Structure formats: structure tokens, C-alpha cells
N, C-alpha and C. Protein backbone atom coordinates (compact mmCIF):
# COMPACT_ATOMS: atom_id res chain seq x y z
N MET A 1 -12.45 -1.43 -127.96
CA MET A 1 -13.56 -1.95 -127.58
C MET A 1 -13.33 -2.43 -126.12
N GLY A 2 -14.34 -2.33 -125.17
CA GLY A 2 -14.11 -2.68 -123.83
C GLY A 2 -14.20 -4.15 -123.54
N LYS A 3 -13.69 -4.42 -122.21
CA LYS A 3 -13.57 -5.98 -122.08
C LYS A 3 -14.92 -6.66 -122.24
N MET A 4 -16.06 -6.01 -121.64
CA MET A 4 -17.16 -6.65 -121.54
C MET A 4 -18.17 -6.54 -122.86
N THR A 5 -17.68 -5.57 -123.75
CA THR A 5 -18.30 -5.55 -125.15
C THR A 5 -17.58 -6.59 -125.80
N GLN A 6 -16.18 -6.94 -125.63
CA GLN A 6 -15.57 -7.86 -126.28
C GLN A 6 -16.23 -9.31 -125.98
N LYS A 7 -16.69 -9.53 -124.73
CA LYS A 7 -17.29 -10.73 -124.22
C LYS A 7 -18.59 -10.83 -125.03
N LEU A 8 -19.52 -9.68 -125.12
CA LEU A 8 -20.69 -9.98 -126.06
C LEU A 8 -20.27 -10.32 -127.62
N GLU A 9 -19.11 -9.80 -127.97
CA GLU A 9 -18.78 -10.21 -129.46
C GLU A 9 -18.31 -11.54 -129.53
N ASP A 10 -17.65 -12.10 -128.34
CA ASP A 10 -17.53 -13.54 -128.28
C ASP A 10 -18.67 -14.43 -128.42
N ILE A 11 -19.72 -14.14 -127.56
CA ILE A 11 -20.84 -14.71 -127.91
C ILE A 11 -21.42 -14.75 -129.27
N LYS A 12 -21.47 -13.52 -129.73
CA LYS A 12 -22.13 -13.56 -131.08
C LYS A 12 -21.09 -14.51 -131.98
N ARG A 13 -19.97 -14.39 -131.86
CA ARG A 13 -19.12 -15.17 -132.73
C ARG A 13 -19.39 -16.72 -132.63
N LEU A 14 -19.41 -17.26 -131.23
CA LEU A 14 -19.65 -18.42 -130.96
C LEU A 14 -20.99 -19.01 -131.56
N ILE A 15 -22.06 -18.27 -131.36
CA ILE A 15 -23.56 -18.48 -131.82
C ILE A 15 -23.45 -18.67 -133.39
N GLY A 16 -22.63 -17.88 -134.13
CA GLY A 16 -22.58 -17.79 -135.42
C GLY A 16 -21.74 -19.24 -135.89
N LYS A 17 -20.67 -19.36 -135.29
CA LYS A 17 -20.14 -20.58 -135.43
C LYS A 17 -20.87 -21.88 -135.48
N LEU A 18 -21.77 -21.95 -134.13
CA LEU A 18 -22.37 -23.15 -133.85
C LEU A 18 -23.81 -23.20 -134.83
N GLN A 19 -24.27 -22.12 -135.51
CA GLN A 19 -25.30 -22.05 -136.42
C GLN A 19 -24.91 -22.85 -137.62
N GLN A 20 -23.43 -22.65 -137.99
CA GLN A 20 -23.08 -23.33 -139.14
C GLN A 20 -22.64 -25.03 -138.45
N GLN A 21 -22.01 -25.03 -137.58
CA GLN A 21 -21.66 -26.31 -137.09
C GLN A 21 -22.64 -27.43 -136.33
N GLN A 22 -23.49 -26.73 -135.59
CA GLN A 22 -24.68 -27.59 -134.88
C GLN A 22 -25.87 -26.80 -135.12
N PRO A 23 -26.44 -26.68 -136.46
CA PRO A 23 -27.52 -25.73 -136.61
C PRO A 23 -29.01 -25.96 -135.88
N GLU A 24 -29.14 -27.45 -135.69
CA GLU A 24 -30.30 -27.72 -135.07
C GLU A 24 -30.41 -27.47 -133.57
N SER A 25 -29.20 -27.93 -132.96
CA SER A 25 -28.94 -27.71 -131.56
C SER A 25 -29.00 -26.40 -131.12
N ILE A 26 -28.38 -25.48 -132.04
CA ILE A 26 -28.40 -24.08 -131.46
C ILE A 26 -29.58 -23.26 -131.83
N GLN A 27 -30.26 -23.72 -132.64
CA GLN A 27 -31.66 -23.24 -133.01
C GLN A 27 -32.46 -23.68 -132.04
N ASN A 28 -32.64 -24.90 -131.59
CA ASN A 28 -33.45 -25.28 -130.52
C ASN A 28 -33.03 -24.54 -129.28
N PHE A 29 -31.71 -24.58 -128.80
CA PHE A 29 -31.56 -23.68 -127.46
C PHE A 29 -31.96 -22.28 -127.71
N LEU A 30 -31.68 -21.47 -128.91
CA LEU A 30 -32.13 -20.06 -128.93
C LEU A 30 -33.58 -19.84 -128.86
N GLY A 31 -34.17 -20.90 -129.52
CA GLY A 31 -35.80 -20.68 -129.48
C GLY A 31 -36.37 -21.05 -127.87
N PHE A 32 -35.57 -21.86 -127.15
CA PHE A 32 -35.80 -22.14 -125.82
C PHE A 32 -35.78 -20.84 -125.03
N MET A 33 -34.34 -20.36 -125.31
CA MET A 33 -33.92 -19.21 -124.52
C MET A 33 -34.84 -18.00 -124.81
N THR A 34 -35.39 -17.81 -126.14
CA THR A 34 -36.49 -16.90 -126.45
C THR A 34 -37.78 -16.96 -125.84
N SER A 35 -38.37 -18.19 -125.71
CA SER A 35 -39.60 -18.51 -124.95
C SER A 35 -39.56 -18.34 -123.47
N VAL A 36 -38.38 -18.52 -122.90
CA VAL A 36 -38.16 -18.23 -121.39
C VAL A 36 -38.00 -16.70 -121.17
N GLU A 37 -37.36 -15.93 -121.94
CA GLU A 37 -37.04 -14.62 -121.61
C GLU A 37 -38.16 -13.67 -121.99
N LYS A 38 -39.15 -14.39 -122.72
CA LYS A 38 -40.40 -13.23 -123.10
C LYS A 38 -40.91 -12.96 -121.81
N GLU A 39 -41.65 -11.71 -121.79
CA GLU A 39 -42.27 -11.06 -120.69
C GLU A 39 -43.57 -12.26 -120.45
N GLY A 40 -43.93 -12.33 -119.24
CA GLY A 40 -44.71 -13.17 -118.69
C GLY A 40 -45.35 -12.60 -117.46
N ALA A 41 -45.35 -13.54 -116.31
CA ALA A 41 -45.71 -12.96 -114.97
C ALA A 41 -44.46 -12.05 -114.54
N LEU A 42 -43.26 -12.32 -114.98
CA LEU A 42 -42.41 -11.47 -114.68
C LEU A 42 -41.86 -10.57 -115.89
N SER A 43 -41.55 -9.47 -115.52
CA SER A 43 -41.24 -8.32 -116.66
C SER A 43 -39.73 -8.79 -117.23
N THR A 44 -39.37 -8.22 -118.45
CA THR A 44 -38.16 -8.52 -118.82
C THR A 44 -37.10 -8.04 -117.90
N LYS A 45 -37.35 -6.80 -117.23
CA LYS A 45 -36.34 -6.20 -116.22
C LYS A 45 -36.14 -7.49 -115.01
N GLN A 46 -37.15 -8.00 -114.46
CA GLN A 46 -37.08 -8.69 -113.48
C GLN A 46 -36.48 -10.04 -113.87
N LYS A 47 -36.63 -10.43 -114.99
CA LYS A 47 -35.86 -11.70 -115.50
C LYS A 47 -34.45 -11.48 -115.73
N GLU A 48 -34.00 -10.23 -116.23
CA GLU A 48 -32.72 -9.92 -116.59
C GLU A 48 -31.95 -9.72 -115.04
N LEU A 49 -32.54 -9.36 -114.05
CA LEU A 49 -32.08 -9.12 -112.67
C LEU A 49 -31.90 -10.39 -112.21
N ILE A 50 -32.77 -11.35 -112.33
CA ILE A 50 -32.63 -12.81 -111.85
C ILE A 50 -31.28 -13.45 -112.60
N ASN A 51 -31.22 -13.16 -114.07
CA ASN A 51 -30.32 -13.65 -114.75
C ASN A 51 -28.90 -13.10 -114.26
N VAL A 52 -28.78 -12.05 -113.86
CA VAL A 52 -27.48 -11.28 -113.39
C VAL A 52 -27.07 -12.00 -112.22
N GLY A 53 -27.95 -12.57 -111.31
CA GLY A 53 -27.61 -13.10 -109.88
C GLY A 53 -27.10 -14.67 -110.31
N LEU A 54 -27.92 -15.30 -111.48
CA LEU A 54 -27.44 -16.34 -111.86
C LEU A 54 -26.26 -16.56 -112.43
N ALA A 55 -25.93 -15.50 -113.21
CA ALA A 55 -24.67 -15.47 -114.12
C ALA A 55 -23.62 -15.23 -113.00
N VAL A 56 -23.60 -14.59 -111.71
CA VAL A 56 -22.76 -14.40 -110.89
C VAL A 56 -22.49 -15.68 -110.20
N ALA A 57 -23.53 -16.50 -109.95
CA ALA A 57 -23.40 -17.90 -109.30
C ALA A 57 -22.79 -18.76 -110.23
N ALA A 58 -23.09 -18.75 -111.34
CA ALA A 58 -22.39 -19.87 -112.29
C ALA A 58 -21.04 -19.40 -112.62
N GLN A 59 -20.47 -18.00 -112.25
CA GLN A 59 -19.02 -17.51 -112.23
C GLN A 59 -18.76 -17.34 -114.05
N CYS A 60 -19.95 -17.13 -114.87
CA CYS A 60 -19.68 -16.89 -115.97
C CYS A 60 -19.58 -15.26 -116.61
N GLU A 61 -18.33 -14.85 -116.98
CA GLU A 61 -18.11 -13.60 -117.41
C GLU A 61 -18.97 -13.34 -118.60
N TRP A 62 -19.25 -14.16 -119.48
CA TRP A 62 -19.88 -13.69 -120.81
C TRP A 62 -21.33 -13.59 -120.44
N CYS A 63 -21.83 -14.49 -119.52
CA CYS A 63 -23.35 -14.45 -119.07
C CYS A 63 -23.49 -13.06 -118.25
N ILE A 64 -22.58 -12.73 -117.34
CA ILE A 64 -22.54 -11.49 -116.63
C ILE A 64 -22.65 -10.26 -117.64
N ALA A 65 -21.93 -10.25 -118.65
CA ALA A 65 -21.80 -9.08 -119.87
C ALA A 65 -23.21 -9.09 -120.23
N LEU A 66 -23.57 -10.29 -120.84
CA LEU A 66 -24.87 -10.36 -121.61
C LEU A 66 -26.10 -9.73 -120.69
N HIS A 67 -26.00 -10.29 -119.43
CA HIS A 67 -27.48 -9.83 -118.65
C HIS A 67 -27.18 -8.75 -117.84
N VAL A 68 -25.94 -8.05 -117.49
CA VAL A 68 -25.95 -6.76 -117.01
C VAL A 68 -26.38 -5.88 -118.20
N LYS A 69 -25.96 -6.02 -119.33
CA LYS A 69 -26.39 -5.03 -120.53
C LYS A 69 -27.91 -5.12 -120.72
N GLY A 70 -28.47 -6.57 -120.69
CA GLY A 70 -29.93 -6.75 -120.68
C GLY A 70 -30.68 -6.03 -119.66
N ALA A 71 -30.09 -6.12 -118.42
CA ALA A 71 -30.78 -5.34 -117.31
C ALA A 71 -30.79 -3.80 -117.59
N ILE A 72 -29.82 -3.49 -117.81
CA ILE A 72 -29.43 -1.82 -118.11
C ILE A 72 -30.62 -1.66 -119.26
N ASP A 73 -30.46 -2.38 -120.22
CA ASP A 73 -31.40 -1.88 -121.61
C ASP A 73 -32.93 -1.91 -121.10
N ALA A 74 -33.17 -2.98 -120.02
CA ALA A 74 -34.63 -3.03 -119.66
C ALA A 74 -35.04 -2.16 -118.51
N GLY A 75 -34.04 -1.21 -118.15
CA GLY A 75 -34.31 -0.21 -117.31
C GLY A 75 -33.79 -0.29 -115.84
N ALA A 76 -33.08 -1.25 -115.62
CA ALA A 76 -32.64 -1.53 -114.31
C ALA A 76 -31.59 -0.52 -113.93
N SER A 77 -31.55 -0.14 -112.64
CA SER A 77 -30.57 0.90 -112.12
C SER A 77 -29.36 0.14 -111.79
N LYS A 78 -28.14 0.91 -111.60
CA LYS A 78 -26.96 0.11 -111.12
C LYS A 78 -27.28 -0.47 -109.65
N GLU A 79 -28.06 0.03 -108.84
CA GLU A 79 -28.25 -0.36 -107.44
C GLU A 79 -28.99 -1.77 -107.49
N GLU A 80 -30.01 -1.83 -108.59
CA GLU A 80 -30.85 -3.09 -108.67
C GLU A 80 -30.03 -4.08 -109.33
N ILE A 81 -29.14 -4.11 -110.25
CA ILE A 81 -28.24 -4.93 -110.65
C ILE A 81 -27.15 -5.34 -109.52
N LEU A 82 -26.64 -4.42 -108.94
CA LEU A 82 -25.71 -4.96 -107.62
C LEU A 82 -26.42 -5.61 -106.74
N GLU A 83 -27.80 -5.31 -106.37
CA GLU A 83 -28.39 -5.93 -105.17
C GLU A 83 -28.64 -7.51 -105.91
N ALA A 84 -28.92 -7.60 -107.12
CA ALA A 84 -29.47 -8.87 -107.73
C ALA A 84 -28.05 -9.66 -107.80
N ALA A 85 -27.11 -9.14 -108.21
CA ALA A 85 -25.69 -9.91 -107.94
C ALA A 85 -25.44 -10.30 -106.66
N MET A 86 -25.61 -9.38 -105.81
CA MET A 86 -25.32 -9.79 -104.06
C MET A 86 -26.22 -10.98 -103.73
N GLN A 87 -27.18 -11.33 -104.47
CA GLN A 87 -28.13 -12.33 -104.07
C GLN A 87 -27.18 -13.73 -104.12
N ALA A 88 -26.48 -13.62 -105.35
CA ALA A 88 -25.56 -14.71 -105.80
C ALA A 88 -24.48 -14.95 -104.50
N VAL A 89 -23.95 -13.82 -104.17
CA VAL A 89 -22.70 -13.79 -103.03
C VAL A 89 -23.56 -14.55 -101.80
N LEU A 90 -24.61 -14.02 -101.64
CA LEU A 90 -25.25 -14.49 -100.27
C LEU A 90 -25.33 -16.11 -100.38
N MET A 91 -25.69 -16.69 -101.39
CA MET A 91 -26.07 -18.17 -101.60
C MET A 91 -24.64 -18.98 -102.02
N HIS A 92 -23.60 -18.20 -102.43
CA HIS A 92 -22.45 -19.02 -102.98
C HIS A 92 -21.21 -18.36 -102.26
N GLY A 93 -21.24 -17.48 -101.69
CA GLY A 93 -20.07 -16.69 -100.83
C GLY A 93 -19.00 -16.44 -101.46
N GLY A 94 -17.65 -16.49 -101.08
CA GLY A 94 -16.50 -15.84 -101.48
C GLY A 94 -16.17 -16.01 -102.97
N PRO A 95 -16.42 -17.03 -103.68
CA PRO A 95 -15.99 -17.45 -104.96
C PRO A 95 -17.00 -16.41 -106.03
N ALA A 96 -18.37 -16.40 -105.47
CA ALA A 96 -19.41 -15.40 -106.16
C ALA A 96 -18.86 -13.93 -105.99
N LEU A 97 -18.33 -13.79 -104.67
CA LEU A 97 -18.09 -12.23 -104.51
C LEU A 97 -17.11 -11.75 -105.29
N MET A 98 -16.06 -12.66 -105.97
CA MET A 98 -15.07 -12.23 -106.85
C MET A 98 -15.66 -11.84 -108.22
N TYR A 99 -16.91 -12.72 -108.46
CA TYR A 99 -17.41 -12.25 -109.84
C TYR A 99 -18.30 -10.97 -109.77
N MET A 100 -18.05 -10.23 -108.50
CA MET A 100 -18.80 -8.82 -108.79
C MET A 100 -17.73 -8.06 -109.47
N THR A 101 -16.43 -8.22 -109.38
CA THR A 101 -15.57 -7.77 -110.30
C THR A 101 -16.12 -7.45 -111.85
N PRO A 102 -16.43 -8.51 -112.63
CA PRO A 102 -16.93 -8.32 -114.07
C PRO A 102 -18.35 -7.68 -113.92
N VAL A 103 -18.97 -7.64 -112.92
CA VAL A 103 -20.33 -6.89 -112.93
C VAL A 103 -19.92 -5.45 -112.75
N GLU A 104 -19.05 -5.22 -111.96
CA GLU A 104 -18.60 -3.70 -112.01
C GLU A 104 -17.95 -3.24 -113.23
N GLU A 105 -17.28 -4.04 -113.83
CA GLU A 105 -16.66 -3.76 -115.30
C GLU A 105 -17.94 -3.68 -116.25
N ALA A 106 -18.95 -4.51 -116.09
CA ALA A 106 -19.96 -4.43 -117.15
C ALA A 106 -20.75 -3.04 -116.76
N LEU A 107 -21.08 -2.77 -115.76
CA LEU A 107 -21.95 -1.45 -115.36
C LEU A 107 -20.98 -0.44 -115.64
N GLU A 108 -19.74 -0.18 -115.54
CA GLU A 108 -19.05 1.03 -115.98
C GLU A 108 -18.99 1.07 -117.39
N GLU A 109 -18.95 -0.05 -118.07
CA GLU A 109 -18.97 -0.13 -119.61
C GLU A 109 -20.30 0.16 -120.17
N PHE A 110 -21.36 -0.28 -119.59
CA PHE A 110 -22.62 -0.26 -120.22
C PHE A 110 -23.59 0.84 -119.70
N SER A 111 -23.27 1.31 -118.61
CA SER A 111 -24.26 2.25 -117.84
C SER A 111 -24.34 3.42 -118.44
N HIS A 112 -25.52 4.02 -118.55
CA HIS A 112 -25.83 5.27 -119.22
C HIS A 112 -26.14 6.35 -118.12
N GLU A 113 -25.91 5.91 -116.92
CA GLU A 113 -26.11 6.70 -115.72
C GLU A 113 -25.01 7.86 -115.72
């Protein structure tokens, strides 16, 4: 199992634990997430690309894995994903630039190109 696939497994495991330990809170969070991520004025692909940039800005490798995979699954190209991630670098500078590393790892691991 690749490093970024392991990050996705970490997320699943955490959600499973929280469903046992904090069921109401995690259910509310997941419901909110579902409502925000559904297609509306923005497509799923556009939202996932925004989330890639936000994940890099937040310096969250788990979020990067989740949203790079989501963007690929929604039809985003490698170039679109890299451009979205670079928006975070523009706004957050050097520290965000370092989080291009897990973006590259996720692209290598999840890309079907």
C-alpha cells in the first residue's frame, strides 16, 4: 500500500472510531461535508480543485491525499491539480511549497494518466 493510500485508510479508521466515540458530532460533520461538496454552481471537479489548494494551504497530508484522489476521480488532469495546489503556494509561500511533495506523491499514486 502506498503512502497516500495509507493516508486514506487513516481517514477511514478515524471516522470509524469517531462514529463509535462521538456519533452525533461526526454525523453532523459528515452531513455538512456532504451538503457542501455536492454539485451546485460549482462542479465536483471545481470543488475538488479548490480543496486541493486549501489542503496544501492547511498543510494537511491526509486532506491532500483525499482531495487529489477526489479531483482525479472527478476528471481533473495532473496539470489542473498542480495549478490548484500552486495557488496555495502563491498565498502561503515557502511552507506551502513544501506540501507540493505530498501532492506529487498523491498524483503518482492515484493518477491513471
